[in-house]
Amino acid sequence: MHLVETNTKKTGSKSTKNYIDVVSGIKVEEKNLKSRGVINGNNVKNIGDSINSNTSDIGINSIISYSSEILSVADMDWHIGCSPTSFGNIIRYWDKNGYPNLVQSSTSDEDLIEWLANDMNTNPDGSTDWNDRVNGMEEYWEDRGYSVDVTRRSPSYTRHKNEIDDERPDIINVVDHPIYDDHDMTGVGYEQYQDTEQDLEWYRYVIVHDTWTTTPKNVYLYVDDLLDSWNEIVTVEPE
């Protein structure tokens, strides 16, 4: 998501900032920009911290070079924690794409997330240990007769792009992000532009399902704005 502040409303001694996603055009109030289910062991910034709005927006003369999205990835609402919810989106996807025993037809989204949260040892506050989320995902698959390679990797747009091109949704993890704080999201796509008014400079976006009900299904994260907070990718590859 590439957010810029649009205005500030004052009511008595209180003020509320409003932002707009320059990609989707969706307006978001500051009160709705609150992360739930942080990863353990990291400091969390307040939502009022500054947001980088100095990057060039994609204008009318821009050309889309290439984009790709895995359309059938679930977008479940946050429940218990961001990790079991985001990994649950991936399980729903693979259940419909070659691994039909992952989820029973009668299993609700909340039931699936709760099962994953149990395997991942997710805490009551919604936080999950780094490696517990990986081990829990593998345990869930093994309990249903499948093998899967779940690997934590350094943040890389190219790696994410390759995963999407191979039709494998991944996990995008951010730490100390000015909007999401510490948060797991399901990576479902990417988009690249070259701007004809900026010497064909590249602009790259990661497309995610962020688990929040207050945002669109597809949220575009501008890669340059992610550089200070993009902590890792977690790839999920059935074996």
C-alpha atoms as a PDB file:
ATOM      1  CA  MET A   1       0.000   0.000   0.000  1.00  0.00           C
ATOM      2  CA  HIS A   2       1.333   3.451  -0.897  1.00  0.00           C
ATOM      3  CA  LEU A   3      -0.419   5.817   1.518  1.00  0.00           C
ATOM      4  CA  VAL A   4      -0.323   9.594   1.587  1.00  0.00           C
ATOM      5  CA  GLU A   5      -1.998  11.868   4.120  1.00  0.00           C
ATOM      6  CA  THR A   6      -5.001  13.736   2.726  1.00  0.00           C
ATOM      7  CA  ASN A   7      -6.192  15.799   5.686  1.00  0.00           C
ATOM      8  CA  THR A   8      -6.383  16.027   9.456  1.00  0.00           C
ATOM      9  CA  LYS A   9      -9.686  16.463  11.255  1.00  0.00           C
ATOM     10  CA  LYS A  10      -9.733  18.093  14.691  1.00  0.00           C
ATOM     11  CA  THR A  11     -12.416  17.467  17.285  1.00  0.00           C
ATOM     12  CA  GLY A  12     -11.707  19.366  20.480  1.00  0.00           C
ATOM     13  CA  SER A  13      -8.220  18.365  21.628  1.00  0.00           C
ATOM     14  CA  LYS A  14      -8.143  15.256  19.427  1.00  0.00           C
ATOM     15  CA  SER A  15      -7.092  14.975  15.794  1.00  0.00           C
ATOM     16  CA  THR A  16      -7.659  12.228  13.249  1.00  0.00           C
ATOM     17  CA  LYS A  17      -5.486  11.774  10.178  1.00  0.00           C
ATOM     18  CA  ASN A  18      -6.924  10.423   6.938  1.00  0.00           C
ATOM     19  CA  TYR A  19      -4.887   8.664   4.255  1.00  0.00           C
ATOM     20  CA  ILE A  20      -5.499   7.542   0.697  1.00  0.00           C
ATOM     21  CA  ASP A  21      -3.957   4.602  -1.147  1.00  0.00           C
ATOM     22  CA  VAL A  22      -2.716   6.170  -4.375  1.00  0.00           C
ATOM     23  CA  VAL A  23      -2.976   2.852  -6.214  1.00  0.00           C
ATOM     24  CA  SER A  24      -6.501   1.790  -5.308  1.00  0.00           C
ATOM     25  CA  GLY A  25      -7.931   5.202  -4.413  1.00  0.00           C
ATOM     26  CA  ILE A  26      -9.280   3.800  -1.154  1.00  0.00           C
ATOM     27  CA  LYS A  27      -9.496   6.273   1.738  1.00  0.00           C
ATOM     28  CA  VAL A  28      -8.472   4.963   5.166  1.00  0.00           C
ATOM     29  CA  GLU A  29      -8.825   6.616   8.570  1.00  0.00           C
ATOM     30  CA  GLU A  30      -5.899   6.481  10.968  1.00  0.00           C
ATOM     31  CA  LYS A  31      -7.968   4.613  13.566  1.00  0.00           C
ATOM     32  CA  ASN A  32      -8.349   1.673  11.164  1.00  0.00           C
ATOM     33  CA  LEU A  33      -4.622   1.352  10.573  1.00  0.00           C
ATOM     34  CA  LYS A  34      -3.816  -0.871  13.515  1.00  0.00           C
ATOM     35  CA  SER A  35      -1.910  -4.118  13.270  1.00  0.00           C
ATOM     36  CA  ARG A  36      -3.115  -7.157  15.195  1.00  0.00           C
ATOM     37  CA  GLY A  37      -1.024 -10.223  15.878  1.00  0.00           C
ATOM     38  CA  VAL A  38       2.569  -9.011  15.920  1.00  0.00           C
ATOM     39  CA  ILE A  39       5.590 -11.260  15.692  1.00  0.00           C
ATOM     40  CA  ASN A  40       7.335 -11.776  19.040  1.00  0.00           C
ATOM     41  CA  GLY A  41      10.503 -10.006  20.091  1.00  0.00           C
ATOM     42  CA  ASN A  42      10.309  -6.731  18.184  1.00  0.00           C
ATOM     43  CA  ASN A  43       9.499  -3.155  19.084  1.00  0.00           C
ATOM     44  CA  VAL A  44       6.290  -1.786  17.614  1.00  0.00           C
ATOM     45  CA  LYS A  45       5.980   1.778  16.335  1.00  0.00           C
ATOM     46  CA  ASN A  46       2.898   3.879  16.987  1.00  0.00           C
ATOM     47  CA  ILE A  47       0.576   4.296  14.051  1.00  0.00           C
ATOM     48  CA  GLY A  48       1.148   8.047  14.167  1.00  0.00           C
ATOM     49  CA  ASP A  49       4.757   7.690  13.044  1.00  0.00           C
ATOM     50  CA  SER A  50       5.623   9.399   9.796  1.00  0.00           C
ATOM     51  CA  ILE A  51       4.807   7.812   6.449  1.00  0.00           C
ATOM     52  CA  ASN A  52       7.089   8.282   3.492  1.00  0.00           C
ATOM     53  CA  SER A  53       5.093  10.145   0.854  1.00  0.00           C
ATOM     54  CA  ASN A  54       7.997  11.498  -1.189  1.00  0.00           C
ATOM     55  CA  THR A  55       8.068   8.751  -3.788  1.00  0.00           C
ATOM     56  CA  SER A  56       6.743   9.568  -7.248  1.00  0.00           C
ATOM     57  CA  ASP A  57       3.208   8.413  -7.939  1.00  0.00           C
ATOM     58  CA  ILE A  58       2.314   6.463 -11.037  1.00  0.00           C
ATOM     59  CA  GLY A  59       0.895   9.022 -13.434  1.00  0.00           C
ATOM     60  CA  ILE A  60      -1.288   8.955 -16.493  1.00  0.00           C
ATOM     61  CA  ASN A  61       1.702   8.616 -18.824  1.00  0.00           C
ATOM     62  CA  SER A  62       3.066   5.558 -17.045  1.00  0.00           C
ATOM     63  CA  ILE A  63       3.170   2.228 -18.825  1.00  0.00           C
ATOM     64  CA  ILE A  64       2.634  -1.130 -17.155  1.00  0.00           C
ATOM     65  CA  SER A  65       5.568  -3.340 -17.979  1.00  0.00           C
ATOM     66  CA  TYR A  66       4.409  -6.540 -16.334  1.00  0.00           C
ATOM     67  CA  SER A  67       2.076  -7.780 -13.638  1.00  0.00           C
ATOM     68  CA  SER A  68       0.920 -11.106 -12.300  1.00  0.00           C
ATOM     69  CA  GLU A  69      -1.537 -12.217  -9.645  1.00  0.00           C
ATOM     70  CA  ILE A  70      -2.663 -15.588  -8.314  1.00  0.00           C
ATOM     71  CA  LEU A  71      -6.402 -15.012  -8.434  1.00  0.00           C
ATOM     72  CA  SER A  72      -7.590 -17.973  -6.368  1.00  0.00           C
ATOM     73  CA  VAL A  73      -5.768 -17.181  -3.097  1.00  0.00           C
ATOM     74  CA  ALA A  74      -8.129 -16.794  -0.150  1.00  0.00           C
ATOM     75  CA  ASP A  75      -8.491 -13.491   1.711  1.00  0.00           C
ATOM     76  CA  MET A  76      -9.648 -14.578   5.154  1.00  0.00           C
ATOM     77  CA  ASP A  77     -10.385 -12.012   7.848  1.00  0.00           C
ATOM     78  CA  TRP A  78      -7.927 -11.689  10.732  1.00  0.00           C
ATOM     79  CA  HIS A  79      -8.645 -14.187  13.511  1.00  0.00           C
ATOM     80  CA  ILE A  80      -6.425 -14.967  16.514  1.00  0.00           C
ATOM     81  CA  GLY A  81      -3.220 -13.807  14.751  1.00  0.00           C
ATOM     82  CA  CYS A  82      -1.813 -12.558  11.473  1.00  0.00           C
ATOM     83  CA  SER A  83       0.433 -15.612  11.022  1.00  0.00           C
ATOM     84  CA  PRO A  84      -2.220 -18.370  11.194  1.00  0.00           C
ATOM     85  CA  THR A  85      -4.552 -16.219   9.096  1.00  0.00           C
ATOM     86  CA  SER A  86      -1.969 -15.495   6.377  1.00  0.00           C
ATOM     87  CA  PHE A  87      -0.712 -19.073   6.241  1.00  0.00           C
ATOM     88  CA  GLY A  88      -4.342 -20.208   6.245  1.00  0.00           C
ATOM     89  CA  ASN A  89      -4.884 -18.279   3.015  1.00  0.00           C
ATOM     90  CA  ILE A  90      -2.125 -20.349   1.454  1.00  0.00           C
ATOM     91  CA  ILE A  91      -3.595 -23.610   2.741  1.00  0.00           C
ATOM     92  CA  ARG A  92      -6.966 -22.712   1.221  1.00  0.00           C
ATOM     93  CA  TYR A  93      -5.216 -22.089  -2.097  1.00  0.00           C
ATOM     94  CA  TRP A  94      -3.360 -25.412  -2.186  1.00  0.00           C
ATOM     95  CA  ASP A  95      -6.458 -27.296  -1.022  1.00  0.00           C
ATOM     96  CA  LYS A  96      -8.074 -26.213  -4.304  1.00  0.00           C
ATOM     97  CA  ASN A  97      -4.956 -26.801  -6.370  1.00  0.00           C
ATOM     98  CA  GLY A  98      -3.857 -30.394  -6.038  1.00  0.00           C
ATOM     99  CA  TYR A  99      -3.981 -31.085  -2.277  1.00  0.00           C
ATOM    100  CA  PRO A 100      -7.680 -31.692  -1.532  1.00  0.00           C
ATOM    101  CA  ASN A 101      -7.184 -33.289   1.875  1.00  0.00           C
ATOM    102  CA  LEU A 102      -5.770 -30.131   3.462  1.00  0.00           C
ATOM    103  CA  VAL A 103      -9.171 -28.757   4.454  1.00  0.00           C
ATOM    104  CA  GLN A 104     -12.451 -30.617   4.918  1.00  0.00           C
ATOM    105  CA  SER A 105     -15.425 -29.101   3.127  1.00  0.00           C
ATOM    106  CA  SER A 106     -17.178 -28.438   6.447  1.00  0.00           C
ATOM    107  CA  THR A 107     -14.211 -26.535   7.947  1.00  0.00           C
ATOM    108  CA  SER A 108     -14.901 -22.828   8.439  1.00  0.00           C
ATOM    109  CA  ASP A 109     -12.259 -20.162   8.064  1.00  0.00           C
ATOM    110  CA  GLU A 110     -12.170 -19.605  11.804  1.00  0.00           C
ATOM    111  CA  ASP A 111     -11.795 -23.342  12.481  1.00  0.00           C
ATOM    112  CA  LEU A 112      -8.879 -23.538  10.040  1.00  0.00           C
ATOM    113  CA  ILE A 113      -7.135 -20.537  11.577  1.00  0.00           C
ATOM    114  CA  GLU A 114      -7.660 -21.867  15.101  1.00  0.00           C
ATOM    115  CA  TRP A 115      -6.167 -25.219  14.129  1.00  0.00           C
ATOM    116  CA  LEU A 116      -3.151 -23.487  12.622  1.00  0.00           C
ATOM    117  CA  ALA A 117      -2.800 -21.212  15.640  1.00  0.00           C
ATOM    118  CA  ASN A 118      -2.652 -24.300  17.841  1.00  0.00           C
ATOM    119  CA  ASP A 119       0.050 -25.905  15.663  1.00  0.00           C
ATOM    120  CA  MET A 120       1.978 -22.605  15.597  1.00  0.00           C
ATOM    121  CA  ASN A 121       1.704 -22.011  19.359  1.00  0.00           C
ATOM    122  CA  THR A 122       0.181 -18.602  18.678  1.00  0.00           C
ATOM    123  CA  ASN A 123      -0.132 -16.599  21.897  1.00  0.00           C
ATOM    124  CA  PRO A 124      -3.407 -15.163  23.243  1.00  0.00           C
ATOM    125  CA  ASP A 125      -2.308 -11.679  22.133  1.00  0.00           C
ATOM    126  CA  GLY A 126      -2.042 -12.921  18.534  1.00  0.00           C
ATOM    127  CA  SER A 127       1.758 -13.063  18.365  1.00  0.00           C
ATOM    128  CA  THR A 128       3.630 -16.062  16.954  1.00  0.00           C
ATOM    129  CA  ASP A 129       7.282 -17.041  17.238  1.00  0.00           C
ATOM    130  CA  TRP A 130       9.318 -16.849  14.028  1.00  0.00           C
ATOM    131  CA  ASN A 131      10.094 -20.557  13.721  1.00  0.00           C
ATOM    132  CA  ASP A 132       6.888 -21.809  15.342  1.00  0.00           C
ATOM    133  CA  ARG A 133       4.897 -20.490  12.397  1.00  0.00           C
ATOM    134  CA  VAL A 134       7.136 -22.436   9.997  1.00  0.00           C
ATOM    135  CA  ASN A 135       7.105 -25.625  12.051  1.00  0.00           C
ATOM    136  CA  GLY A 136       3.372 -25.346  12.628  1.00  0.00           C
ATOM    137  CA  MET A 137       2.675 -25.008   8.909  1.00  0.00           C
ATOM    138  CA  GLU A 138       4.738 -28.103   8.151  1.00  0.00           C
ATOM    139  CA  GLU A 139       3.061 -30.039  10.961  1.00  0.00           C
ATOM    140  CA  TYR A 140      -0.379 -29.149   9.631  1.00  0.00           C
ATOM    141  CA  TRP A 141       0.494 -30.545   6.181  1.00  0.00           C
ATOM    142  CA  GLU A 142       2.140 -33.679   7.576  1.00  0.00           C
ATOM    143  CA  ASP A 143      -0.902 -34.445   9.726  1.00  0.00           C
ATOM    144  CA  ARG A 144      -2.934 -34.563   6.501  1.00  0.00           C
ATOM    145  CA  GLY A 145      -0.536 -36.818   4.612  1.00  0.00           C
ATOM    146  CA  TYR A 146       1.434 -34.233   2.624  1.00  0.00           C
ATOM    147  CA  SER A 147       5.007 -32.962   2.649  1.00  0.00           C
ATOM    148  CA  VAL A 148       5.813 -29.281   2.250  1.00  0.00           C
ATOM    149  CA  ASP A 149       8.958 -27.177   2.354  1.00  0.00           C
ATOM    150  CA  VAL A 150       8.394 -23.979   4.360  1.00  0.00           C
ATOM    151  CA  THR A 151      11.486 -21.759   4.353  1.00  0.00           C
ATOM    152  CA  ARG A 152      12.308 -18.340   5.778  1.00  0.00           C
ATOM    153  CA  ARG A 153      14.251 -16.261   3.249  1.00  0.00           C
ATOM    154  CA  SER A 154      15.769 -12.806   2.978  1.00  0.00           C
ATOM    155  CA  PRO A 155      13.463 -10.152   1.525  1.00  0.00           C
ATOM    156  CA  SER A 156      13.726 -10.027  -2.252  1.00  0.00           C
ATOM    157  CA  TYR A 157      11.384  -8.654  -4.891  1.00  0.00           C
ATOM    158  CA  THR A 158      12.932 -11.010  -7.442  1.00  0.00           C
ATOM    159  CA  ARG A 159      12.358 -14.023  -5.184  1.00  0.00           C
ATOM    160  CA  HIS A 160       8.772 -12.996  -4.571  1.00  0.00           C
ATOM    161  CA  LYS A 161       8.238 -12.444  -8.302  1.00  0.00           C
ATOM    162  CA  ASN A 162       9.594 -15.920  -9.057  1.00  0.00           C
ATOM    163  CA  GLU A 163       7.280 -17.511  -6.482  1.00  0.00           C
ATOM    164  CA  ILE A 164       4.260 -15.795  -8.008  1.00  0.00           C
ATOM    165  CA  ASP A 165       5.336 -16.750 -11.539  1.00  0.00           C
ATOM    166  CA  ASP A 166       5.502 -20.364 -10.322  1.00  0.00           C
ATOM    167  CA  GLU A 167       1.972 -19.934  -8.897  1.00  0.00           C
ATOM    168  CA  ARG A 168       3.065 -20.283  -5.272  1.00  0.00           C
ATOM    169  CA  PRO A 169       1.725 -17.653  -2.851  1.00  0.00           C
ATOM    170  CA  ASP A 170       4.203 -16.701  -0.137  1.00  0.00           C
ATOM    171  CA  ILE A 171       4.364 -14.798   3.131  1.00  0.00           C
ATOM    172  CA  ILE A 172       5.530 -11.177   3.198  1.00  0.00           C
ATOM    173  CA  ASN A 173       6.705 -10.239   6.688  1.00  0.00           C
ATOM    174  CA  VAL A 174       7.357  -6.668   7.797  1.00  0.00           C
ATOM    175  CA  VAL A 175       8.865  -5.385  11.041  1.00  0.00           C
ATOM    176  CA  ASP A 176       8.391  -1.830  12.330  1.00  0.00           C
ATOM    177  CA  HIS A 177       6.372  -0.867   9.273  1.00  0.00           C
ATOM    178  CA  PRO A 178       4.753   2.571   9.805  1.00  0.00           C
ATOM    179  CA  ILE A 179       1.302   1.177   9.019  1.00  0.00           C
ATOM    180  CA  TYR A 180       1.403  -2.554   9.772  1.00  0.00           C
ATOM    181  CA  ASP A 181       3.918  -2.589  12.638  1.00  0.00           C
ATOM    182  CA  ASP A 182       5.106  -6.249  12.759  1.00  0.00           C
ATOM    183  CA  HIS A 183       2.888  -8.261  10.472  1.00  0.00           C
ATOM    184  CA  ASP A 184       2.558 -11.358   8.268  1.00  0.00           C
ATOM    185  CA  MET A 185       0.678 -10.976   4.976  1.00  0.00           C
ATOM    186  CA  THR A 186      -0.040 -13.364   2.108  1.00  0.00           C
ATOM    187  CA  GLY A 187       1.865 -12.483  -1.061  1.00  0.00           C
ATOM    188  CA  VAL A 188      -0.370 -13.003  -4.093  1.00  0.00           C
ATOM    189  CA  GLY A 189       1.140 -10.928  -6.903  1.00  0.00           C
ATOM    190  CA  TYR A 190       3.347  -8.128  -8.166  1.00  0.00           C
ATOM    191  CA  GLU A 191       3.214  -5.204 -10.564  1.00  0.00           C
ATOM    192  CA  GLN A 192       5.969  -3.273 -12.354  1.00  0.00           C
ATOM    193  CA  TYR A 193       5.838   0.085 -14.080  1.00  0.00           C
ATOM    194  CA  GLN A 194       8.111   2.296 -16.086  1.00  0.00           C
ATOM    195  CA  ASP A 195       7.278   6.000 -16.017  1.00  0.00           C
ATOM    196  CA  THR A 196       7.658   7.792 -19.329  1.00  0.00           C
ATOM    197  CA  GLU A 197       8.082  11.113 -17.527  1.00  0.00           C
ATOM    198  CA  GLN A 198      10.778   9.765 -15.178  1.00  0.00           C
ATOM    199  CA  ASP A 199      13.337   8.503 -17.724  1.00  0.00           C
ATOM    200  CA  LEU A 200      11.583   5.114 -17.715  1.00  0.00           C
ATOM    201  CA  GLU A 201      12.368   4.660 -14.038  1.00  0.00           C
ATOM    202  CA  TRP A 202      11.019   1.414 -12.584  1.00  0.00           C
ATOM    203  CA  TYR A 203       8.319   1.312  -9.918  1.00  0.00           C
ATOM    204  CA  ARG A 204       7.603  -2.042  -8.322  1.00  0.00           C
ATOM    205  CA  TYR A 205       4.773  -3.221  -6.097  1.00  0.00           C
ATOM    206  CA  VAL A 206       4.156  -6.364  -4.068  1.00  0.00           C
ATOM    207  CA  ILE A 207       0.466  -7.348  -3.971  1.00  0.00           C
ATOM    208  CA  VAL A 208      -0.739  -8.871  -0.701  1.00  0.00           C
ATOM    209  CA  HIS A 209      -3.813  -9.980   1.194  1.00  0.00           C
ATOM    210  CA  ASP A 210      -3.141  -8.216   4.497  1.00  0.00           C
ATOM    211  CA  THR A 211      -5.884  -9.913   6.650  1.00  0.00           C
ATOM    212  CA  TRP A 212      -7.523  -6.573   7.514  1.00  0.00           C
ATOM    213  CA  THR A 213     -11.218  -6.012   6.879  1.00  0.00           C
ATOM    214  CA  THR A 214     -10.697  -2.241   6.446  1.00  0.00           C
ATOM    215  CA  THR A 215      -8.554  -2.545   3.307  1.00  0.00           C
ATOM    216  CA  PRO A 216      -9.233  -3.818  -0.240  1.00  0.00           C
ATOM    217  CA  LYS A 217      -8.749  -7.484  -1.075  1.00  0.00           C
ATOM    218  CA  ASN A 218      -5.554  -6.658  -2.974  1.00  0.00           C
ATOM    219  CA  VAL A 219      -3.204  -4.204  -1.291  1.00  0.00           C
ATOM    220  CA  TYR A 220      -0.240  -2.800  -3.250  1.00  0.00           C
ATOM    221  CA  LEU A 221       2.962  -2.276  -1.239  1.00  0.00           C
ATOM    222  CA  TYR A 222       5.479   0.000  -2.935  1.00  0.00           C
ATOM    223  CA  VAL A 223       8.827  -1.819  -2.742  1.00  0.00           C
ATOM    224  CA  ASP A 224      10.944   1.295  -2.153  1.00  0.00           C
ATOM    225  CA  ASP A 225       8.774   2.127   0.863  1.00  0.00           C
ATOM    226  CA  LEU A 226       9.321  -1.413   2.172  1.00  0.00           C
ATOM    227  CA  LEU A 227      13.122  -1.293   2.224  1.00  0.00           C
ATOM    228  CA  ASP A 228      13.395  -0.383   5.921  1.00  0.00           C
ATOM    229  CA  SER A 229      10.708  -2.763   7.135  1.00  0.00           C
ATOM    230  CA  TRP A 230      10.593  -5.781   4.807  1.00  0.00           C
ATOM    231  CA  ASN A 231      12.036  -8.432   7.082  1.00  0.00           C
ATOM    232  CA  GLU A 232      11.650 -11.696   5.184  1.00  0.00           C
ATOM    233  CA  ILE A 233       9.761 -13.893   2.758  1.00  0.00           C
ATOM    234  CA  VAL A 234       8.476 -17.291   3.796  1.00  0.00           C
ATOM    235  CA  THR A 235       8.093 -19.619   0.826  1.00  0.00           C
ATOM    236  CA  VAL A 236       5.682 -22.558   0.850  1.00  0.00           C
ATOM    237  CA  GLU A 237       6.458 -25.276  -1.686  1.00  0.00           C
ATOM    238  CA  PRO A 238       4.604 -28.610  -1.665  1.00  0.00           C
ATOM    239  CA  GLU A 239       6.887 -31.595  -2.214  1.00  0.00           C
END
